[in-house]
Amino acid sequence: MKKQIIGLCLLTFVFLPGVIRSETSECYGTTSNGRLDRGVALPSSGANYEGYSQVARLAGRTFVHSSVRDIVVQSYKNLAQSDPTKVYKYAETGFKEGGEFSPHKTHRNGLSIDFMTPVKDEAGISVHLPTHPLNKFGYDIEFDKNSRYENLVIDYEAMASHIVALHKEAITQGFNLWRVIFDPELQSKLYKTKNGEYLKNNISFSKKRSWVRHDEHYHVDFIIPCKNI
């Protein structure tokens, strides 16, 4: 019996490093011209977050670099502690091996994530933006000039807190955020939140309107060292 236990421990010692390595991703190139080795899927849900589509998850569209996964998941945990009343939803990420990710022009090396814009209902309660096939999993939603869509309104406080949490956790883990893409016409409302000054001083927002509006979601690119293609 003792020999069996020792043998099992030896096998664990021999094979565990390989298991750990298999979960460590390697990125190549850039977000718009790159690929990913050993990408990992984001969890389908957590205490205060969920993915945008189980269909998309099964189709393999929720993979990222392992370090990005760690940053995102820990950020959600931090937010659950600082404000448990808020809920969040992530959207498109990328394929396990990266590469072209239609219809996106980026998302190719595991360092890009779309997050659905946090919203509140008529009672001021934090709720998930609806994402289903009939609205292209949320990407067809359009907010008006008052930040409203049907009976929902953008929760800028929750969004600002999320971006700050991502930045702080990225720094903690030895990385950073490259940029955030969000509708330039709505960005000023983020600067009016309690985290407005932090955003101004630490986050690079794209000031040029993208090929899609980016109002129902915000795109975040992370800075993690990648190898050349």
C-alpha atoms as a PDB file:
ATOM      1  CA  MET A   1       0.000   0.000   0.000  1.00  0.00           C
ATOM      2  CA  LYS A   2       2.811   2.374   0.915  1.00  0.00           C
ATOM      3  CA  LYS A   3       4.546   1.617  -2.384  1.00  0.00           C
ATOM      4  CA  GLN A   4       1.328   2.399  -4.294  1.00  0.00           C
ATOM      5  CA  ILE A   5       0.984   5.764  -2.532  1.00  0.00           C
ATOM      6  CA  ILE A   6       4.632   6.610  -3.216  1.00  0.00           C
ATOM      7  CA  GLY A   7       4.184   5.607  -6.841  1.00  0.00           C
ATOM      8  CA  LEU A   8       1.096   7.804  -7.178  1.00  0.00           C
ATOM      9  CA  CYS A   9       2.942  10.758  -5.652  1.00  0.00           C
ATOM     10  CA  LEU A  10       5.824  10.266  -8.088  1.00  0.00           C
ATOM     11  CA  LEU A  11       3.450  10.150 -11.038  1.00  0.00           C
ATOM     12  CA  THR A  12       1.773  13.336  -9.835  1.00  0.00           C
ATOM     13  CA  PHE A  13       5.156  15.033  -9.464  1.00  0.00           C
ATOM     14  CA  VAL A  14       6.210  13.946 -12.954  1.00  0.00           C
ATOM     15  CA  PHE A  15       3.028  14.844 -14.789  1.00  0.00           C
ATOM     16  CA  LEU A  16       1.784  17.891 -12.882  1.00  0.00           C
ATOM     17  CA  PRO A  17       4.328  20.304 -14.408  1.00  0.00           C
ATOM     18  CA  GLY A  18       3.132  19.280 -17.847  1.00  0.00           C
ATOM     19  CA  VAL A  19      -0.457  19.928 -16.849  1.00  0.00           C
ATOM     20  CA  ILE A  20       0.455  23.381 -15.568  1.00  0.00           C
ATOM     21  CA  ARG A  21       2.363  24.196 -18.739  1.00  0.00           C
ATOM     22  CA  SER A  22      -0.564  23.093 -20.900  1.00  0.00           C
ATOM     23  CA  GLU A  23      -2.690  25.786 -19.243  1.00  0.00           C
ATOM     24  CA  THR A  24      -0.144  28.544 -19.837  1.00  0.00           C
ATOM     25  CA  SER A  25      -0.870  30.300 -23.121  1.00  0.00           C
ATOM     26  CA  GLU A  26       1.574  31.766 -25.616  1.00  0.00           C
ATOM     27  CA  CYS A  27       0.534  34.647 -27.861  1.00  0.00           C
ATOM     28  CA  TYR A  28       2.067  35.669 -31.166  1.00  0.00           C
ATOM     29  CA  GLY A  29       1.917  38.868 -33.189  1.00  0.00           C
ATOM     30  CA  THR A  30      -0.724  41.503 -32.558  1.00  0.00           C
ATOM     31  CA  THR A  31      -4.433  41.636 -31.827  1.00  0.00           C
ATOM     32  CA  SER A  32      -5.093  42.276 -35.552  1.00  0.00           C
ATOM     33  CA  ASN A  33      -2.449  39.940 -36.960  1.00  0.00           C
ATOM     34  CA  GLY A  34      -1.618  37.136 -34.581  1.00  0.00           C
ATOM     35  CA  ARG A  35      -2.442  33.768 -33.128  1.00  0.00           C
ATOM     36  CA  LEU A  36      -2.627  31.970 -29.797  1.00  0.00           C
ATOM     37  CA  ASP A  37      -1.296  28.674 -28.468  1.00  0.00           C
ATOM     38  CA  ARG A  38      -3.062  26.825 -25.646  1.00  0.00           C
ATOM     39  CA  GLY A  39      -5.853  29.342 -25.215  1.00  0.00           C
ATOM     40  CA  VAL A  40      -8.207  28.807 -22.269  1.00  0.00           C
ATOM     41  CA  ALA A  41     -11.960  29.326 -22.056  1.00  0.00           C
ATOM     42  CA  LEU A  42     -13.427  31.862 -19.672  1.00  0.00           C
ATOM     43  CA  PRO A  43     -15.735  30.342 -17.043  1.00  0.00           C
ATOM     44  CA  SER A  44     -19.356  30.260 -18.165  1.00  0.00           C
ATOM     45  CA  SER A  45     -20.420  32.222 -15.080  1.00  0.00           C
ATOM     46  CA  GLY A  46     -19.507  33.355 -11.581  1.00  0.00           C
ATOM     47  CA  ALA A  47     -21.094  35.013  -8.568  1.00  0.00           C
ATOM     48  CA  ASN A  48     -21.589  38.333 -10.379  1.00  0.00           C
ATOM     49  CA  TYR A  49     -21.023  37.574 -14.060  1.00  0.00           C
ATOM     50  CA  GLU A  50     -21.958  35.329 -16.959  1.00  0.00           C
ATOM     51  CA  GLY A  51     -21.080  34.748 -20.587  1.00  0.00           C
ATOM     52  CA  TYR A  52     -23.190  36.189 -23.365  1.00  0.00           C
ATOM     53  CA  SER A  53     -24.152  32.913 -25.031  1.00  0.00           C
ATOM     54  CA  GLN A  54     -23.923  29.206 -24.328  1.00  0.00           C
ATOM     55  CA  VAL A  55     -24.162  28.634 -28.084  1.00  0.00           C
ATOM     56  CA  ALA A  56     -21.103  30.808 -28.676  1.00  0.00           C
ATOM     57  CA  ARG A  57     -19.306  29.037 -25.849  1.00  0.00           C
ATOM     58  CA  LEU A  58     -19.949  25.644 -27.459  1.00  0.00           C
ATOM     59  CA  ALA A  59     -18.761  27.100 -30.766  1.00  0.00           C
ATOM     60  CA  GLY A  60     -15.405  27.897 -29.134  1.00  0.00           C
ATOM     61  CA  ARG A  61     -15.697  31.696 -29.177  1.00  0.00           C
ATOM     62  CA  THR A  62     -14.790  32.370 -25.526  1.00  0.00           C
ATOM     63  CA  PHE A  63     -11.061  31.571 -25.446  1.00  0.00           C
ATOM     64  CA  VAL A  64      -8.343  33.959 -24.272  1.00  0.00           C
ATOM     65  CA  HIS A  65      -4.728  33.997 -23.144  1.00  0.00           C
ATOM     66  CA  SER A  66      -4.431  32.300 -19.741  1.00  0.00           C
ATOM     67  CA  SER A  67      -3.136  35.507 -18.120  1.00  0.00           C
ATOM     68  CA  VAL A  68      -6.098  37.444 -19.489  1.00  0.00           C
ATOM     69  CA  ARG A  69      -8.400  34.786 -18.030  1.00  0.00           C
ATOM     70  CA  ASP A  70      -6.746  35.192 -14.635  1.00  0.00           C
ATOM     71  CA  ILE A  71      -7.067  38.982 -14.734  1.00  0.00           C
ATOM     72  CA  VAL A  72     -10.713  38.935 -15.811  1.00  0.00           C
ATOM     73  CA  VAL A  73     -11.840  36.312 -13.297  1.00  0.00           C
ATOM     74  CA  GLN A  74     -10.028  37.929 -10.369  1.00  0.00           C
ATOM     75  CA  SER A  75     -11.426  41.327 -11.346  1.00  0.00           C
ATOM     76  CA  TYR A  76     -14.942  39.944 -11.135  1.00  0.00           C
ATOM     77  CA  LYS A  77     -14.144  38.500  -7.696  1.00  0.00           C
ATOM     78  CA  ASN A  78     -12.833  41.883  -6.558  1.00  0.00           C
ATOM     79  CA  LEU A  79     -15.986  43.607  -7.811  1.00  0.00           C
ATOM     80  CA  ALA A  80     -18.162  41.080  -6.009  1.00  0.00           C
ATOM     81  CA  GLN A  81     -16.487  42.178  -2.795  1.00  0.00           C
ATOM     82  CA  SER A  82     -16.550  45.937  -3.451  1.00  0.00           C
ATOM     83  CA  ASP A  83     -20.121  46.079  -4.819  1.00  0.00           C
ATOM     84  CA  PRO A  84     -22.068  42.793  -4.774  1.00  0.00           C
ATOM     85  CA  THR A  85     -25.186  44.498  -6.162  1.00  0.00           C
ATOM     86  CA  LYS A  86     -23.692  44.823  -9.650  1.00  0.00           C
ATOM     87  CA  VAL A  87     -23.755  42.118 -12.339  1.00  0.00           C
ATOM     88  CA  TYR A  88     -21.604  41.848 -15.456  1.00  0.00           C
ATOM     89  CA  LYS A  89     -21.528  39.967 -18.737  1.00  0.00           C
ATOM     90  CA  TYR A  90     -18.630  39.263 -21.067  1.00  0.00           C
ATOM     91  CA  ALA A  91     -19.078  38.731 -24.806  1.00  0.00           C
ATOM     92  CA  GLU A  92     -16.795  37.770 -27.717  1.00  0.00           C
ATOM     93  CA  THR A  93     -13.201  36.816 -26.985  1.00  0.00           C
ATOM     94  CA  GLY A  94     -11.549  34.540 -29.554  1.00  0.00           C
ATOM     95  CA  PHE A  95     -10.684  31.013 -30.641  1.00  0.00           C
ATOM     96  CA  LYS A  96      -8.467  28.582 -28.720  1.00  0.00           C
ATOM     97  CA  GLU A  97      -5.686  28.909 -31.311  1.00  0.00           C
ATOM     98  CA  GLY A  98      -6.461  32.525 -32.162  1.00  0.00           C
ATOM     99  CA  GLY A  99      -6.343  33.705 -35.751  1.00  0.00           C
ATOM    100  CA  GLU A 100      -9.066  35.355 -37.803  1.00  0.00           C
ATOM    101  CA  PHE A 101     -12.216  35.849 -35.750  1.00  0.00           C
ATOM    102  CA  SER A 102     -15.058  37.041 -37.968  1.00  0.00           C
ATOM    103  CA  PRO A 103     -16.609  39.594 -37.962  1.00  0.00           C
ATOM    104  CA  HIS A 104     -13.958  41.202 -35.740  1.00  0.00           C
ATOM    105  CA  LYS A 105     -10.821  42.849 -37.097  1.00  0.00           C
ATOM    106  CA  THR A 106      -8.901  42.026 -33.920  1.00  0.00           C
ATOM    107  CA  HIS A 107      -9.346  39.290 -31.233  1.00  0.00           C
ATOM    108  CA  ARG A 108      -6.626  37.219 -32.947  1.00  0.00           C
ATOM    109  CA  ASN A 109      -4.007  36.563 -30.264  1.00  0.00           C
ATOM    110  CA  GLY A 110      -6.029  36.081 -27.098  1.00  0.00           C
ATOM    111  CA  LEU A 111      -5.576  39.589 -25.705  1.00  0.00           C
ATOM    112  CA  SER A 112      -8.934  41.114 -26.716  1.00  0.00           C
ATOM    113  CA  ILE A 113     -12.291  40.852 -24.978  1.00  0.00           C
ATOM    114  CA  ASP A 114     -15.683  42.431 -25.548  1.00  0.00           C
ATOM    115  CA  PHE A 115     -17.746  43.149 -22.450  1.00  0.00           C
ATOM    116  CA  MET A 116     -21.463  43.840 -22.673  1.00  0.00           C
ATOM    117  CA  THR A 117     -22.325  47.271 -21.300  1.00  0.00           C
ATOM    118  CA  PRO A 118     -23.696  47.083 -17.720  1.00  0.00           C
ATOM    119  CA  VAL A 119     -27.275  48.318 -17.413  1.00  0.00           C
ATOM    120  CA  LYS A 120     -29.945  49.101 -14.829  1.00  0.00           C
ATOM    121  CA  ASP A 121     -33.678  48.504 -15.095  1.00  0.00           C
ATOM    122  CA  GLU A 122     -36.440  51.010 -14.326  1.00  0.00           C
ATOM    123  CA  ALA A 123     -36.063  50.312 -10.600  1.00  0.00           C
ATOM    124  CA  GLY A 124     -32.360  51.081 -10.727  1.00  0.00           C
ATOM    125  CA  ILE A 125     -31.397  47.425 -10.260  1.00  0.00           C
ATOM    126  CA  SER A 126     -28.292  46.101 -11.993  1.00  0.00           C
ATOM    127  CA  VAL A 127     -29.361  43.551 -14.617  1.00  0.00           C
ATOM    128  CA  HIS A 128     -27.793  41.789 -17.585  1.00  0.00           C
ATOM    129  CA  LEU A 129     -28.166  43.227 -21.055  1.00  0.00           C
ATOM    130  CA  PRO A 130     -30.298  40.696 -23.011  1.00  0.00           C
ATOM    131  CA  THR A 131     -28.234  38.637 -25.446  1.00  0.00           C
ATOM    132  CA  HIS A 132     -29.888  36.123 -27.777  1.00  0.00           C
ATOM    133  CA  PRO A 133     -29.930  35.138 -31.469  1.00  0.00           C
ATOM    134  CA  LEU A 134     -32.690  37.626 -32.340  1.00  0.00           C
ATOM    135  CA  ASN A 135     -30.471  40.602 -31.380  1.00  0.00           C
ATOM    136  CA  LYS A 136     -27.231  38.972 -32.596  1.00  0.00           C
ATOM    137  CA  PHE A 137     -26.359  38.071 -29.004  1.00  0.00           C
ATOM    138  CA  GLY A 138     -26.604  41.710 -27.952  1.00  0.00           C
ATOM    139  CA  TYR A 139     -24.515  43.219 -30.724  1.00  0.00           C
ATOM    140  CA  ASP A 140     -27.586  44.616 -32.516  1.00  0.00           C
ATOM    141  CA  ILE A 141     -28.646  46.697 -29.521  1.00  0.00           C
ATOM    142  CA  GLU A 142     -28.492  50.470 -29.954  1.00  0.00           C
ATOM    143  CA  PHE A 143     -28.654  52.939 -27.052  1.00  0.00           C
ATOM    144  CA  ASP A 144     -30.188  56.366 -27.686  1.00  0.00           C
ATOM    145  CA  LYS A 145     -28.654  59.754 -26.845  1.00  0.00           C
ATOM    146  CA  ASN A 146     -29.917  59.355 -23.277  1.00  0.00           C
ATOM    147  CA  SER A 147     -28.086  56.031 -22.891  1.00  0.00           C
ATOM    148  CA  ARG A 148     -31.373  54.128 -22.971  1.00  0.00           C
ATOM    149  CA  TYR A 149     -32.526  50.954 -24.681  1.00  0.00           C
ATOM    150  CA  GLU A 150     -36.154  50.012 -24.093  1.00  0.00           C
ATOM    151  CA  ASN A 151     -36.513  49.976 -20.262  1.00  0.00           C
ATOM    152  CA  LEU A 152     -32.760  49.802 -19.620  1.00  0.00           C
ATOM    153  CA  VAL A 153     -30.175  52.521 -19.049  1.00  0.00           C
ATOM    154  CA  ILE A 154     -26.387  52.256 -19.118  1.00  0.00           C
ATOM    155  CA  ASP A 155     -24.872  51.870 -15.659  1.00  0.00           C
ATOM    156  CA  TYR A 156     -21.780  54.042 -16.066  1.00  0.00           C
ATOM    157  CA  GLU A 157     -20.744  53.599 -12.445  1.00  0.00           C
ATOM    158  CA  ALA A 158     -20.636  49.818 -12.852  1.00  0.00           C
ATOM    159  CA  MET A 159     -18.801  50.092 -16.156  1.00  0.00           C
ATOM    160  CA  ALA A 160     -16.195  52.483 -14.762  1.00  0.00           C
ATOM    161  CA  SER A 161     -15.663  50.260 -11.734  1.00  0.00           C
ATOM    162  CA  HIS A 162     -15.151  47.261 -14.003  1.00  0.00           C
ATOM    163  CA  ILE A 163     -12.549  48.983 -16.169  1.00  0.00           C
ATOM    164  CA  VAL A 164     -10.695  50.185 -13.070  1.00  0.00           C
ATOM    165  CA  ALA A 165     -10.807  46.667 -11.596  1.00  0.00           C
ATOM    166  CA  LEU A 166      -9.373  45.219 -14.816  1.00  0.00           C
ATOM    167  CA  HIS A 167      -6.579  47.782 -14.861  1.00  0.00           C
ATOM    168  CA  LYS A 168      -5.650  47.350 -11.210  1.00  0.00           C
ATOM    169  CA  GLU A 169      -5.649  43.557 -11.451  1.00  0.00           C
ATOM    170  CA  ALA A 170      -3.607  43.634 -14.661  1.00  0.00           C
ATOM    171  CA  ILE A 171      -0.993  45.769 -12.897  1.00  0.00           C
ATOM    172  CA  THR A 172      -1.057  43.446  -9.877  1.00  0.00           C
ATOM    173  CA  GLN A 173      -0.321  40.487 -12.136  1.00  0.00           C
ATOM    174  CA  GLY A 174       2.515  42.300 -13.915  1.00  0.00           C
ATOM    175  CA  PHE A 175       0.679  43.385 -17.081  1.00  0.00           C
ATOM    176  CA  ASN A 176      -1.432  46.327 -18.258  1.00  0.00           C
ATOM    177  CA  LEU A 177      -4.315  47.472 -20.443  1.00  0.00           C
ATOM    178  CA  TRP A 178      -3.487  48.797 -23.883  1.00  0.00           C
ATOM    179  CA  ARG A 179      -6.783  50.457 -24.748  1.00  0.00           C
ATOM    180  CA  VAL A 180     -10.526  50.509 -24.285  1.00  0.00           C
ATOM    181  CA  ILE A 181     -12.832  51.053 -27.255  1.00  0.00           C
ATOM    182  CA  PHE A 182     -16.197  52.589 -26.357  1.00  0.00           C
ATOM    183  CA  ASP A 183     -18.429  54.993 -28.258  1.00  0.00           C
ATOM    184  CA  PRO A 184     -16.586  58.383 -28.119  1.00  0.00           C
ATOM    185  CA  GLU A 185     -19.903  60.219 -27.765  1.00  0.00           C
ATOM    186  CA  LEU A 186     -20.641  58.354 -24.535  1.00  0.00           C
ATOM    187  CA  GLN A 187     -17.162  58.387 -22.986  1.00  0.00           C
ATOM    188  CA  SER A 188     -17.692  61.706 -21.216  1.00  0.00           C
ATOM    189  CA  LYS A 189     -20.332  60.068 -18.996  1.00  0.00           C
ATOM    190  CA  LEU A 190     -17.688  57.677 -17.658  1.00  0.00           C
ATOM    191  CA  TYR A 191     -15.581  60.621 -16.532  1.00  0.00           C
ATOM    192  CA  LYS A 192     -18.474  61.857 -14.391  1.00  0.00           C
ATOM    193  CA  THR A 193     -18.470  58.709 -12.256  1.00  0.00           C
ATOM    194  CA  LYS A 194     -16.662  58.289  -8.936  1.00  0.00           C
ATOM    195  CA  ASN A 195     -13.819  56.647 -10.878  1.00  0.00           C
ATOM    196  CA  GLY A 196     -13.701  59.359 -13.518  1.00  0.00           C
ATOM    197  CA  GLU A 197     -10.336  60.805 -12.513  1.00  0.00           C
ATOM    198  CA  TYR A 198      -8.769  57.361 -12.342  1.00  0.00           C
ATOM    199  CA  LEU A 199      -9.978  56.642 -15.873  1.00  0.00           C
ATOM    200  CA  LYS A 200      -8.614  59.948 -17.175  1.00  0.00           C
ATOM    201  CA  ASN A 201      -5.216  59.335 -15.615  1.00  0.00           C
ATOM    202  CA  ASN A 202      -4.753  55.639 -16.285  1.00  0.00           C
ATOM    203  CA  ILE A 203      -6.897  54.336 -19.153  1.00  0.00           C
ATOM    204  CA  SER A 204      -6.340  54.926 -22.857  1.00  0.00           C
ATOM    205  CA  PHE A 205      -9.706  55.246 -24.591  1.00  0.00           C
ATOM    206  CA  SER A 206      -9.878  55.205 -28.373  1.00  0.00           C
ATOM    207  CA  LYS A 207     -11.088  58.653 -29.436  1.00  0.00           C
ATOM    208  CA  LYS A 208     -11.843  57.701 -33.027  1.00  0.00           C
ATOM    209  CA  ARG A 209     -15.163  56.057 -33.836  1.00  0.00           C
ATOM    210  CA  SER A 210     -14.659  52.422 -34.773  1.00  0.00           C
ATOM    211  CA  TRP A 211     -16.213  50.592 -37.729  1.00  0.00           C
ATOM    212  CA  VAL A 212     -18.990  49.576 -35.354  1.00  0.00           C
ATOM    213  CA  ARG A 213     -20.389  51.916 -32.719  1.00  0.00           C
ATOM    214  CA  HIS A 214     -19.324  50.114 -29.502  1.00  0.00           C
ATOM    215  CA  ASP A 215     -22.172  51.351 -27.339  1.00  0.00           C
ATOM    216  CA  GLU A 216     -23.729  48.005 -26.364  1.00  0.00           C
ATOM    217  CA  HIS A 217     -20.269  46.669 -25.577  1.00  0.00           C
ATOM    218  CA  TYR A 218     -16.780  47.916 -24.801  1.00  0.00           C
ATOM    219  CA  HIS A 219     -13.678  46.322 -26.222  1.00  0.00           C
ATOM    220  CA  VAL A 220     -10.602  45.873 -24.015  1.00  0.00           C
ATOM    221  CA  ASP A 221      -7.097  45.001 -25.236  1.00  0.00           C
ATOM    222  CA  PHE A 222      -4.485  43.811 -22.750  1.00  0.00           C
ATOM    223  CA  ILE A 223      -0.723  44.260 -22.854  1.00  0.00           C
ATOM    224  CA  ILE A 224       0.975  40.898 -22.410  1.00  0.00           C
ATOM    225  CA  PRO A 225       4.327  40.048 -24.053  1.00  0.00           C
ATOM    226  CA  CYS A 226       3.881  38.077 -27.266  1.00  0.00           C
ATOM    227  CA  LYS A 227       6.342  36.403 -29.597  1.00  0.00           C
ATOM    228  CA  ASN A 228       6.782  37.575 -33.170  1.00  0.00           C
ATOM    229  CA  ILE A 229       4.979  35.612 -35.855  1.00  0.00           C
END
